[in-house]
C-alpha atoms as a PDB file:
ATOM      1  CA  MET A   1      -0.665 -77.570 -44.158  1.00  0.00           C
ATOM      2  CA  ARG A   2       1.260 -79.270 -41.325  1.00  0.00           C
ATOM      3  CA  CYS A   3       2.397 -75.843 -40.051  1.00  0.00           C
ATOM      4  CA  ARG A   4      -1.204 -74.678 -39.762  1.00  0.00           C
ATOM      5  CA  VAL A   5      -2.210 -77.724 -37.724  1.00  0.00           C
ATOM      6  CA  LYS A   6       0.805 -77.291 -35.453  1.00  0.00           C
ATOM      7  CA  LEU A   7       0.030 -73.584 -35.013  1.00  0.00           C
ATOM      8  CA  LYS A   8      -3.622 -74.300 -34.151  1.00  0.00           C
ATOM      9  CA  LEU A   9      -2.570 -77.010 -31.686  1.00  0.00           C
ATOM     10  CA  ALA A  10      -0.044 -74.660 -30.063  1.00  0.00           C
ATOM     11  CA  VAL A  11      -2.619 -71.856 -29.734  1.00  0.00           C
ATOM     12  CA  PHE A  12      -5.250 -74.230 -28.339  1.00  0.00           C
ATOM     13  CA  SER A  13      -2.763 -75.730 -25.853  1.00  0.00           C
ATOM     14  CA  SER A  14      -1.730 -72.263 -24.694  1.00  0.00           C
ATOM     15  CA  LEU A  15      -5.354 -71.228 -24.174  1.00  0.00           C
ATOM     16  CA  VAL A  16      -6.136 -74.372 -22.156  1.00  0.00           C
ATOM     17  CA  ALA A  17      -3.007 -73.939 -20.024  1.00  0.00           C
ATOM     18  CA  GLY A  18      -3.902 -70.279 -19.434  1.00  0.00           C
ATOM     19  CA  LEU A  19      -7.435 -71.196 -18.428  1.00  0.00           C
ATOM     20  CA  PHE A  20      -6.200 -73.696 -15.843  1.00  0.00           C
ATOM     21  CA  THR A  21      -3.655 -71.216 -14.502  1.00  0.00           C
ATOM     22  CA  VAL A  22      -6.272 -68.491 -14.056  1.00  0.00           C
ATOM     23  CA  SER A  23      -8.974 -70.756 -12.583  1.00  0.00           C
ATOM     24  CA  ALA A  24      -6.790 -72.671 -10.089  1.00  0.00           C
ATOM     25  CA  PRO A  25      -7.083 -69.988  -7.359  1.00  0.00           C
ATOM     26  CA  LEU A  26     -10.872 -70.159  -7.638  1.00  0.00           C
ATOM     27  CA  PHE A  27     -10.882 -73.813  -6.646  1.00  0.00           C
ATOM     28  CA  ALA A  28      -8.334 -73.252  -3.883  1.00  0.00           C
ATOM     29  CA  HIS A  29     -10.402 -70.452  -2.321  1.00  0.00           C
ATOM     30  CA  HIS A  30     -13.407 -72.632  -1.641  1.00  0.00           C
ATOM     31  CA  GLY A  31     -11.567 -75.209   0.399  1.00  0.00           C
ATOM     32  CA  ARG A  32     -12.078 -75.274   4.147  1.00  0.00           C
ATOM     33  CA  SER A  33      -8.727 -76.786   4.954  1.00  0.00           C
ATOM     34  CA  GLY A  34      -7.706 -73.674   6.909  1.00  0.00           C
ATOM     35  CA  TYR A  35     -10.359 -74.363   9.540  1.00  0.00           C
ATOM     36  CA  ASP A  36     -10.310 -76.993  12.272  1.00  0.00           C
ATOM     37  CA  ASN A  37     -13.507 -78.754  11.206  1.00  0.00           C
ATOM     38  CA  GLN A  38     -13.203 -81.161  14.146  1.00  0.00           C
ATOM     39  CA  LYS A  39     -13.377 -78.307  16.681  1.00  0.00           C
ATOM     40  CA  THR A  40     -16.322 -76.027  17.372  1.00  0.00           C
ATOM     41  CA  LEU A  41     -16.128 -72.860  19.447  1.00  0.00           C
ATOM     42  CA  SER A  42     -19.261 -71.387  21.008  1.00  0.00           C
ATOM     43  CA  LEU A  43     -18.828 -67.813  22.215  1.00  0.00           C
ATOM     44  CA  LYS A  44     -21.105 -65.196  23.729  1.00  0.00           C
ATOM     45  CA  ALA A  45     -20.292 -62.182  21.611  1.00  0.00           C
ATOM     46  CA  VAL A  46     -21.234 -58.672  20.528  1.00  0.00           C
ATOM     47  CA  VAL A  47     -21.582 -58.122  16.782  1.00  0.00           C
ATOM     48  CA  THR A  48     -19.398 -55.271  15.526  1.00  0.00           C
ATOM     49  CA  ARG A  49     -20.119 -55.540  11.782  1.00  0.00           C
ATOM     50  CA  PHE A  50     -21.942 -57.710   9.251  1.00  0.00           C
ATOM     51  CA  ASP A  51     -20.931 -57.807   5.584  1.00  0.00           C
ATOM     52  CA  TRP A  52     -23.580 -59.026   3.161  1.00  0.00           C
ATOM     53  CA  THR A  53     -21.231 -59.411   0.191  1.00  0.00           C
ATOM     54  CA  ASN A  54     -19.873 -62.005  -2.198  1.00  0.00           C
ATOM     55  CA  PRO A  55     -18.171 -64.372  -2.029  1.00  0.00           C
ATOM     56  CA  HIS A  56     -19.167 -64.893   1.641  1.00  0.00           C
ATOM     57  CA  VAL A  57     -21.273 -63.087   4.210  1.00  0.00           C
ATOM     58  CA  THR A  58     -19.058 -62.279   7.191  1.00  0.00           C
ATOM     59  CA  VAL A  59     -19.926 -61.654  10.836  1.00  0.00           C
ATOM     60  CA  TYR A  60     -17.431 -59.617  12.860  1.00  0.00           C
ATOM     61  CA  PHE A  61     -17.718 -59.794  16.625  1.00  0.00           C
ATOM     62  CA  ASP A  62     -15.964 -59.302  19.939  1.00  0.00           C
ATOM     63  CA  ALA A  63     -15.870 -61.960  22.660  1.00  0.00           C
ATOM     64  CA  MET A  64     -13.963 -62.269  25.911  1.00  0.00           C
ATOM     65  CA  ASP A  65     -11.369 -64.974  26.275  1.00  0.00           C
ATOM     66  CA  GLU A  66     -10.871 -67.048  29.433  1.00  0.00           C
ATOM     67  CA  ASN A  67      -8.792 -64.200  30.959  1.00  0.00           C
ATOM     68  CA  GLY A  68     -11.478 -61.558  30.369  1.00  0.00           C
ATOM     69  CA  VAL A  69      -9.606 -59.945  27.470  1.00  0.00           C
ATOM     70  CA  VAL A  70     -11.731 -58.904  24.493  1.00  0.00           C
ATOM     71  CA  GLN A  71     -10.782 -60.748  21.311  1.00  0.00           C
ATOM     72  CA  HIS A  72     -11.809 -59.595  17.827  1.00  0.00           C
ATOM     73  CA  TRP A  73     -13.177 -62.320  15.537  1.00  0.00           C
ATOM     74  CA  SER A  74     -14.626 -62.736  12.069  1.00  0.00           C
ATOM     75  CA  CYS A  75     -16.556 -65.698  10.710  1.00  0.00           C
ATOM     76  CA  GLU A  76     -17.310 -66.250   7.081  1.00  0.00           C
ATOM     77  CA  GLY A  77     -20.484 -67.976   6.044  1.00  0.00           C
ATOM     78  CA  GLU A  78     -21.954 -68.908   2.703  1.00  0.00           C
ATOM     79  CA  ASN A  79     -22.720 -66.464  -0.095  1.00  0.00           C
ATOM     80  CA  PRO A  80     -25.682 -64.033   0.112  1.00  0.00           C
ATOM     81  CA  TYR A  81     -27.744 -66.148  -2.308  1.00  0.00           C
ATOM     82  CA  THR A  82     -27.455 -69.244  -0.104  1.00  0.00           C
ATOM     83  CA  ALA A  83     -28.070 -67.163   3.021  1.00  0.00           C
ATOM     84  CA  THR A  84     -31.252 -65.752   1.456  1.00  0.00           C
ATOM     85  CA  ARG A  85     -32.478 -69.270   0.637  1.00  0.00           C
ATOM     86  CA  GLU A  86     -31.982 -70.137   4.330  1.00  0.00           C
ATOM     87  CA  GLY A  87     -34.193 -67.207   5.349  1.00  0.00           C
ATOM     88  CA  TRP A  88     -31.461 -64.698   6.198  1.00  0.00           C
ATOM     89  CA  THR A  89     -31.645 -61.008   5.304  1.00  0.00           C
ATOM     90  CA  LYS A  90     -28.944 -58.389   4.986  1.00  0.00           C
ATOM     91  CA  ASN A  91     -30.049 -57.228   8.455  1.00  0.00           C
ATOM     92  CA  GLU A  92     -29.637 -60.637  10.123  1.00  0.00           C
ATOM     93  CA  PHE A  93     -26.846 -59.332  12.360  1.00  0.00           C
ATOM     94  CA  LYS A  94     -26.625 -55.731  13.531  1.00  0.00           C
ATOM     95  CA  PRO A  95     -23.779 -53.976  15.362  1.00  0.00           C
ATOM     96  CA  GLY A  96     -24.434 -54.210  19.086  1.00  0.00           C
ATOM     97  CA  ASP A  97     -26.424 -57.474  18.850  1.00  0.00           C
ATOM     98  CA  GLN A  98     -25.527 -59.870  21.647  1.00  0.00           C
ATOM     99  CA  VAL A  99     -25.359 -63.358  20.162  1.00  0.00           C
ATOM    100  CA  THR A 100     -24.021 -66.791  20.879  1.00  0.00           C
ATOM    101  CA  ILE A 101     -22.052 -67.847  17.825  1.00  0.00           C
ATOM    102  CA  ASN A 102     -20.773 -71.322  16.924  1.00  0.00           C
ATOM    103  CA  PHE A 103     -17.987 -71.776  14.408  1.00  0.00           C
ATOM    104  CA  HIS A 104     -14.992 -73.818  13.316  1.00  0.00           C
ATOM    105  CA  PRO A 105     -11.867 -71.812  14.265  1.00  0.00           C
ATOM    106  CA  ALA A 106      -8.813 -71.356  12.067  1.00  0.00           C
ATOM    107  CA  LYS A 107      -6.134 -74.017  12.488  1.00  0.00           C
ATOM    108  CA  ASN A 108      -3.431 -71.348  12.772  1.00  0.00           C
ATOM    109  CA  GLY A 109      -5.055 -69.716  15.827  1.00  0.00           C
ATOM    110  CA  ASN A 110      -5.952 -66.443  14.101  1.00  0.00           C
ATOM    111  CA  GLY A 111      -9.239 -64.820  15.088  1.00  0.00           C
ATOM    112  CA  VAL A 112     -11.204 -66.154  12.123  1.00  0.00           C
ATOM    113  CA  GLY A 113     -13.598 -69.013  11.654  1.00  0.00           C
ATOM    114  CA  PHE A 114     -16.204 -70.682   9.503  1.00  0.00           C
ATOM    115  CA  PHE A 115     -19.777 -69.977  10.648  1.00  0.00           C
ATOM    116  CA  ILE A 116     -21.959 -72.865  11.853  1.00  0.00           C
ATOM    117  CA  SER A 117     -24.854 -71.187  13.686  1.00  0.00           C
ATOM    118  CA  ALA A 118     -25.798 -68.328  15.981  1.00  0.00           C
ATOM    119  CA  VAL A 119     -28.543 -67.599  18.471  1.00  0.00           C
ATOM    120  CA  LEU A 120     -29.778 -64.081  17.770  1.00  0.00           C
ATOM    121  CA  PRO A 121     -31.051 -61.580  20.383  1.00  0.00           C
ATOM    122  CA  ASP A 122     -34.694 -62.560  19.743  1.00  0.00           C
ATOM    123  CA  GLY A 123     -33.903 -66.275  20.307  1.00  0.00           C
ATOM    124  CA  LYS A 124     -34.094 -67.084  16.600  1.00  0.00           C
ATOM    125  CA  MET A 125     -31.281 -69.274  15.305  1.00  0.00           C
ATOM    126  CA  ALA A 126     -29.355 -68.481  12.131  1.00  0.00           C
ATOM    127  CA  TYR A 127     -27.728 -71.461  10.392  1.00  0.00           C
ATOM    128  CA  TYR A 128     -27.254 -73.165   7.028  1.00  0.00           C
ATOM    129  CA  GLY A 129     -28.715 -76.501   6.005  1.00  0.00           C
ATOM    130  CA  PRO A 130     -30.613 -78.769   8.388  1.00  0.00           C
ATOM    131  CA  PRO A 131     -31.359 -77.306  11.843  1.00  0.00           C
ATOM    132  CA  PRO A 132     -28.667 -77.949  14.445  1.00  0.00           C
ATOM    133  CA  ALA A 133     -29.595 -80.258  17.322  1.00  0.00           C
ATOM    134  CA  ASP A 134     -29.936 -77.260  19.676  1.00  0.00           C
ATOM    135  CA  ALA A 135     -32.225 -75.267  17.330  1.00  0.00           C
ATOM    136  CA  PRO A 136     -35.515 -74.132  18.918  1.00  0.00           C
ATOM    137  CA  LYS A 137     -38.446 -76.261  17.773  1.00  0.00           C
END
């Protein structure tokens, strides 16, 4: 009888340990520690691609740096479900759109960021949550 209890406990412990091992990367992915959340960049840019996919919608764009050299960027936003609740559509950004985009840049200086807001070609503002202070009334 004691062997059965020990076997069940060992199997249960192994399953729990396996579950934590497999799920740990899921929690790590959703952190924003890779972005400089104290810094916001605002760039005039041209959209090159927009991915409406899980786990995050992503805007790809080109913007000139202070020396006039084109830099390639990508900004991840929330998931498509959240974006839809905020009034976005899968056609929110189109290649060739000229936008002003605001985002938290990566701490490591790579050309990636976390989306805050954007002014679209028609003057509409795309954002998540409460309207930014500079949103049109």
